[in-house]
Each structure stands twice: as structure tokens, then as C-alpha cells.
């Protein structure tokens, strides 16, 4: 009979999911930066690329705390979100609405990450993994800040330009 799955198993499974997602995001950010028309948006994507590298390192530390090898597992959610982003890049290339579309795609990614990191942090806390919870919270705060920064960028200039 198969062993009962526990919260530790679910935590590990979700960790593999977000690890895969972060690595996919890391690969897609340079493409989004190249597609962006606004210098501010290009800078935002560049900054998030650097942050994502640090987030991947933190995830590797969480895997270590768990005593597991850092390994990803295909995350269909992020695949779908990134595919939608690529469709926007193709369909709105060169148009005033492109950057608004890129921001919406980036925020869909951020919201997915915020959900995952919030859950993982809560589970790590419940499992008594204080160090893991601290690492996950650090990333959660970064993702939330990135989301807020994208909203400010959209509201300050990008959406107005998209209406042109």
C-alpha cells in the first residue's frame, strides 16, 4: 500500500513546481525586456531578472533545508501564463498597447508567484521550518513589490500611451 501523503510531501511538490516556474520566468524575462518599448519597463524587467536569480538561489536553500535535491516539476500554470505573454508580444508588436499587454502578462506571473510563495511560507511555518519560512517570505515580499511597481508604471504612463 502506498504511503500516506503528508503536508511535507505537498510542500516538496509545490516547491518543485515554483522552482520550475522561476527557471522558466528567468528565461522569458530577457525576451520581455527586448519586446518592451518603454525604457522604464525594460529596466523593470532587467531588475526582476536579477531578483529572480536570487529567488532561485533561495529556493535551492529551501530544498537543502528539506534535505532534497533542487529539482523542478513541470508547472502547467506558468507554461500557460508565459504562452499568453508570448501571444501578446506577437499580436501587439509595435503597437502602443504592447507595453500595457506586457505589464498585464508580467502581473499574471507575479500573482501566480505571490500565491505560491504565500502558501509555501505558511506551510513552512506550520511545519516548524523557520529558516525556510524566512527565505520564502523574502521572496514573497520581492514579488509583491514588483507587482506594485508594475501597477505604478502602468498607471503613470503605459496605459495612457496604450490609449493613443
C-alpha atoms as a PDB file:
ATOM      1  CA  UNK A   1       0.000   0.000   0.000  1.00  0.00           C
ATOM      2  CA  UNK A   2       1.251   3.498  -0.892  1.00  0.00           C
ATOM      3  CA  UNK A   3       2.444   5.687   1.941  1.00  0.00           C
ATOM      4  CA  UNK A   4       0.028   8.404   3.036  1.00  0.00           C
ATOM      5  CA  UNK A   5       0.954  11.788   1.590  1.00  0.00           C
ATOM      6  CA  UNK A   6       1.576  14.496   4.189  1.00  0.00           C
ATOM      7  CA  UNK A   7       1.954  18.276   4.253  1.00  0.00           C
ATOM      8  CA  UNK A   8       5.731  17.752   3.878  1.00  0.00           C
ATOM      9  CA  UNK A   9       5.082  15.898   0.595  1.00  0.00           C
ATOM     10  CA  UNK A  10       2.766  18.661  -0.600  1.00  0.00           C
ATOM     11  CA  UNK A  11       5.314  21.308   0.428  1.00  0.00           C
ATOM     12  CA  UNK A  12       8.054  19.493  -1.530  1.00  0.00           C
ATOM     13  CA  UNK A  13       5.785  19.054  -4.557  1.00  0.00           C
ATOM     14  CA  UNK A  14       4.830  22.754  -4.573  1.00  0.00           C
ATOM     15  CA  UNK A  15       8.470  23.732  -4.101  1.00  0.00           C
ATOM     16  CA  UNK A  16       9.365  21.740  -7.257  1.00  0.00           C
ATOM     17  CA  UNK A  17       6.535  23.499  -9.095  1.00  0.00           C
ATOM     18  CA  UNK A  18       7.699  27.039  -8.215  1.00  0.00           C
ATOM     19  CA  UNK A  19      11.351  26.094  -8.828  1.00  0.00           C
ATOM     20  CA  UNK A  20      10.430  25.052 -12.372  1.00  0.00           C
ATOM     21  CA  UNK A  21       8.330  28.216 -12.765  1.00  0.00           C
ATOM     22  CA  UNK A  22      11.121  30.548 -11.605  1.00  0.00           C
ATOM     23  CA  UNK A  23      13.586  28.990 -14.031  1.00  0.00           C
ATOM     24  CA  UNK A  24      11.097  29.401 -16.907  1.00  0.00           C
ATOM     25  CA  UNK A  25      10.461  33.014 -15.861  1.00  0.00           C
ATOM     26  CA  UNK A  26      14.219  33.668 -15.802  1.00  0.00           C
ATOM     27  CA  UNK A  27      14.416  32.510 -19.437  1.00  0.00           C
ATOM     28  CA  UNK A  28      11.413  34.602 -20.547  1.00  0.00           C
ATOM     29  CA  UNK A  29      12.385  37.930 -18.920  1.00  0.00           C
ATOM     30  CA  UNK A  30      15.103  38.881 -21.478  1.00  0.00           C
ATOM     31  CA  UNK A  31      12.563  38.300 -24.272  1.00  0.00           C
ATOM     32  CA  UNK A  32      10.035  40.548 -22.485  1.00  0.00           C
ATOM     33  CA  UNK A  33      12.716  43.193 -21.953  1.00  0.00           C
ATOM     34  CA  UNK A  34      13.600  43.146 -25.663  1.00  0.00           C
ATOM     35  CA  UNK A  35       9.924  43.450 -26.616  1.00  0.00           C
ATOM     36  CA  UNK A  36       9.232  46.363 -24.248  1.00  0.00           C
ATOM     37  CA  UNK A  37       9.140  49.833 -25.793  1.00  0.00           C
ATOM     38  CA  UNK A  38       9.336  51.910 -22.613  1.00  0.00           C
ATOM     39  CA  UNK A  39      12.788  52.337 -21.065  1.00  0.00           C
ATOM     40  CA  UNK A  40      11.229  52.169 -17.589  1.00  0.00           C
ATOM     41  CA  UNK A  41       9.588  48.850 -18.428  1.00  0.00           C
ATOM     42  CA  UNK A  42      12.862  47.499 -19.863  1.00  0.00           C
ATOM     43  CA  UNK A  43      14.564  48.469 -16.570  1.00  0.00           C
ATOM     44  CA  UNK A  44      11.788  46.801 -14.548  1.00  0.00           C
ATOM     45  CA  UNK A  45      12.258  43.529 -16.462  1.00  0.00           C
ATOM     46  CA  UNK A  46      16.026  43.741 -16.009  1.00  0.00           C
ATOM     47  CA  UNK A  47      15.671  44.322 -12.261  1.00  0.00           C
ATOM     48  CA  UNK A  48      13.254  41.402 -11.959  1.00  0.00           C
ATOM     49  CA  UNK A  49      15.667  39.179 -13.897  1.00  0.00           C
ATOM     50  CA  UNK A  50      18.348  39.867 -11.260  1.00  0.00           C
ATOM     51  CA  UNK A  51      15.856  39.299  -8.438  1.00  0.00           C
ATOM     52  CA  UNK A  52      14.710  36.018  -9.984  1.00  0.00           C
ATOM     53  CA  UNK A  53      18.291  34.712  -9.916  1.00  0.00           C
ATOM     54  CA  UNK A  54      18.358  35.399  -6.170  1.00  0.00           C
ATOM     55  CA  UNK A  55      14.939  33.809  -5.722  1.00  0.00           C
ATOM     56  CA  UNK A  56      16.161  30.629  -7.419  1.00  0.00           C
ATOM     57  CA  UNK A  57      19.141  30.564  -5.032  1.00  0.00           C
ATOM     58  CA  UNK A  58      16.790  30.922  -2.050  1.00  0.00           C
ATOM     59  CA  UNK A  59      14.649  28.063  -3.351  1.00  0.00           C
ATOM     60  CA  UNK A  60      17.790  25.927  -3.588  1.00  0.00           C
ATOM     61  CA  UNK A  61      18.439  26.720   0.088  1.00  0.00           C
ATOM     62  CA  UNK A  62      14.881  25.655   0.967  1.00  0.00           C
ATOM     63  CA  UNK A  63      15.436  22.349  -0.856  1.00  0.00           C
ATOM     64  CA  UNK A  64      18.610  21.903   1.242  1.00  0.00           C
ATOM     65  CA  UNK A  65      16.699  22.587   4.470  1.00  0.00           C
ATOM     66  CA  UNK A  66      14.213  19.927   3.340  1.00  0.00           C
ATOM     67  CA  UNK A  67      17.097  17.537   2.629  1.00  0.00           C
ATOM     68  CA  UNK A  68      16.091  17.227  -1.012  1.00  0.00           C
ATOM     69  CA  UNK A  69      17.775  17.860  -4.355  1.00  0.00           C
ATOM     70  CA  UNK A  70      16.668  21.072  -6.062  1.00  0.00           C
ATOM     71  CA  UNK A  71      14.625  19.760  -8.960  1.00  0.00           C
ATOM     72  CA  UNK A  72      11.698  21.253 -10.826  1.00  0.00           C
ATOM     73  CA  UNK A  73       8.491  19.638 -11.966  1.00  0.00           C
ATOM     74  CA  UNK A  74       6.595  20.928 -14.990  1.00  0.00           C
ATOM     75  CA  UNK A  75       4.284  23.727 -13.951  1.00  0.00           C
ATOM     76  CA  UNK A  76       1.402  23.884 -16.423  1.00  0.00           C
ATOM     77  CA  UNK A  77       0.128  27.135 -14.889  1.00  0.00           C
ATOM     78  CA  UNK A  78       3.307  29.083 -15.645  1.00  0.00           C
ATOM     79  CA  UNK A  79       3.563  27.487 -19.094  1.00  0.00           C
ATOM     80  CA  UNK A  80       0.082  28.839 -19.875  1.00  0.00           C
ATOM     81  CA  UNK A  81       0.742  32.296 -18.444  1.00  0.00           C
ATOM     82  CA  UNK A  82       4.020  32.626 -20.381  1.00  0.00           C
ATOM     83  CA  UNK A  83       2.406  31.373 -23.610  1.00  0.00           C
ATOM     84  CA  UNK A  84      -0.271  34.052 -23.262  1.00  0.00           C
ATOM     85  CA  UNK A  85       2.500  36.619 -22.797  1.00  0.00           C
ATOM     86  CA  UNK A  86       4.200  35.457 -25.994  1.00  0.00           C
ATOM     87  CA  UNK A  87       0.905  35.731 -27.878  1.00  0.00           C
ATOM     88  CA  UNK A  88       0.545  39.344 -26.673  1.00  0.00           C
ATOM     89  CA  UNK A  89       4.118  40.078 -27.813  1.00  0.00           C
ATOM     90  CA  UNK A  90       3.289  38.749 -31.293  1.00  0.00           C
ATOM     91  CA  UNK A  91      -0.216  40.201 -31.677  1.00  0.00           C
ATOM     92  CA  UNK A  92       0.616  43.688 -30.344  1.00  0.00           C
ATOM     93  CA  UNK A  93       4.200  44.040 -31.653  1.00  0.00           C
ATOM     94  CA  UNK A  94       4.947  47.665 -32.493  1.00  0.00           C
ATOM     95  CA  UNK A  95       1.575  48.905 -31.225  1.00  0.00           C
ATOM     96  CA  UNK A  96       1.002  51.496 -28.487  1.00  0.00           C
ATOM     97  CA  UNK A  97      -0.761  48.795 -26.432  1.00  0.00           C
ATOM     98  CA  UNK A  98       2.231  46.402 -26.389  1.00  0.00           C
ATOM     99  CA  UNK A  99       3.735  47.617 -23.099  1.00  0.00           C
ATOM    100  CA  UNK A 100       0.332  47.555 -21.361  1.00  0.00           C
ATOM    101  CA  UNK A 101      -0.008  43.942 -22.535  1.00  0.00           C
ATOM    102  CA  UNK A 102       3.493  43.098 -21.302  1.00  0.00           C
ATOM    103  CA  UNK A 103       2.681  44.555 -17.880  1.00  0.00           C
ATOM    104  CA  UNK A 104      -0.542  42.549 -17.685  1.00  0.00           C
ATOM    105  CA  UNK A 105       1.395  39.373 -18.565  1.00  0.00           C
ATOM    106  CA  UNK A 106       4.104  40.152 -16.017  1.00  0.00           C
ATOM    107  CA  UNK A 107       1.479  40.771 -13.345  1.00  0.00           C
ATOM    108  CA  UNK A 108      -0.223  37.456 -14.114  1.00  0.00           C
ATOM    109  CA  UNK A 109       3.174  35.851 -13.412  1.00  0.00           C
ATOM    110  CA  UNK A 110       3.615  37.893 -10.204  1.00  0.00           C
ATOM    111  CA  UNK A 111       0.170  36.972  -8.915  1.00  0.00           C
ATOM    112  CA  UNK A 112       0.851  33.282  -9.514  1.00  0.00           C
ATOM    113  CA  UNK A 113       4.152  33.581  -7.653  1.00  0.00           C
ATOM    114  CA  UNK A 114       2.610  35.550  -4.780  1.00  0.00           C
ATOM    115  CA  UNK A 115       0.014  32.789  -4.347  1.00  0.00           C
ATOM    116  CA  UNK A 116       2.635  30.039  -4.355  1.00  0.00           C
ATOM    117  CA  UNK A 117       5.094  31.779  -2.024  1.00  0.00           C
ATOM    118  CA  UNK A 118       2.336  32.762   0.399  1.00  0.00           C
ATOM    119  CA  UNK A 119       1.207  29.145   0.629  1.00  0.00           C
ATOM    120  CA  UNK A 120       4.748  27.761   0.922  1.00  0.00           C
ATOM    121  CA  UNK A 121       5.624  30.265   3.652  1.00  0.00           C
ATOM    122  CA  UNK A 122       2.505  29.298   5.635  1.00  0.00           C
ATOM    123  CA  UNK A 123       3.249  25.578   5.277  1.00  0.00           C
ATOM    124  CA  UNK A 124       6.922  26.056   6.222  1.00  0.00           C
ATOM    125  CA  UNK A 125       5.771  27.902   9.361  1.00  0.00           C
ATOM    126  CA  UNK A 126       3.269  25.156  10.224  1.00  0.00           C
ATOM    127  CA  UNK A 127       5.970  22.525   9.684  1.00  0.00           C
ATOM    128  CA  UNK A 128       8.323  24.391  12.050  1.00  0.00           C
ATOM    129  CA  UNK A 129      10.768  25.237   9.268  1.00  0.00           C
ATOM    130  CA  UNK A 130      11.563  28.786  10.435  1.00  0.00           C
ATOM    131  CA  UNK A 131      14.571  29.296   8.152  1.00  0.00           C
ATOM    132  CA  UNK A 132      12.641  28.122   5.097  1.00  0.00           C
ATOM    133  CA  UNK A 133       9.706  30.368   6.038  1.00  0.00           C
ATOM    134  CA  UNK A 134      12.084  33.342   6.305  1.00  0.00           C
ATOM    135  CA  UNK A 135      13.591  32.643   2.855  1.00  0.00           C
ATOM    136  CA  UNK A 136      10.151  32.200   1.285  1.00  0.00           C
ATOM    137  CA  UNK A 137       8.886  35.396   2.934  1.00  0.00           C
ATOM    138  CA  UNK A 138      11.834  37.336   1.496  1.00  0.00           C
ATOM    139  CA  UNK A 139      10.822  36.241  -1.999  1.00  0.00           C
ATOM    140  CA  UNK A 140       7.133  36.870  -1.269  1.00  0.00           C
ATOM    141  CA  UNK A 141       7.942  40.489  -0.332  1.00  0.00           C
ATOM    142  CA  UNK A 142      10.004  40.959  -3.514  1.00  0.00           C
ATOM    143  CA  UNK A 143       7.209  39.572  -5.695  1.00  0.00           C
ATOM    144  CA  UNK A 144       4.649  41.857  -4.020  1.00  0.00           C
ATOM    145  CA  UNK A 145       6.901  44.891  -4.521  1.00  0.00           C
ATOM    146  CA  UNK A 146       7.444  44.004  -8.192  1.00  0.00           C
ATOM    147  CA  UNK A 147       3.679  43.727  -8.654  1.00  0.00           C
ATOM    148  CA  UNK A 148       3.159  47.173  -7.033  1.00  0.00           C
ATOM    149  CA  UNK A 149       5.947  48.679  -9.168  1.00  0.00           C
ATOM    150  CA  UNK A 150       4.316  47.323 -12.337  1.00  0.00           C
ATOM    151  CA  UNK A 151       0.971  48.816 -11.299  1.00  0.00           C
ATOM    152  CA  UNK A 152       2.616  52.222 -10.718  1.00  0.00           C
ATOM    153  CA  UNK A 153       4.324  52.019 -14.105  1.00  0.00           C
ATOM    154  CA  UNK A 154       1.049  51.130 -15.839  1.00  0.00           C
ATOM    155  CA  UNK A 155      -0.839  53.939 -14.112  1.00  0.00           C
ATOM    156  CA  UNK A 156       1.865  56.592 -14.548  1.00  0.00           C
ATOM    157  CA  UNK A 157       2.368  56.330 -18.292  1.00  0.00           C
ATOM    158  CA  UNK A 158       1.944  52.972 -20.026  1.00  0.00           C
ATOM    159  CA  UNK A 159      -1.856  52.715 -20.003  1.00  0.00           C
ATOM    160  CA  UNK A 160      -2.221  56.348 -21.143  1.00  0.00           C
ATOM    161  CA  UNK A 161       0.150  55.660 -24.054  1.00  0.00           C
ATOM    162  CA  UNK A 162      -1.801  52.482 -24.933  1.00  0.00           C
ATOM    163  CA  UNK A 163      -4.992  54.535 -25.444  1.00  0.00           C
ATOM    164  CA  UNK A 164      -3.312  56.654 -28.134  1.00  0.00           C
END
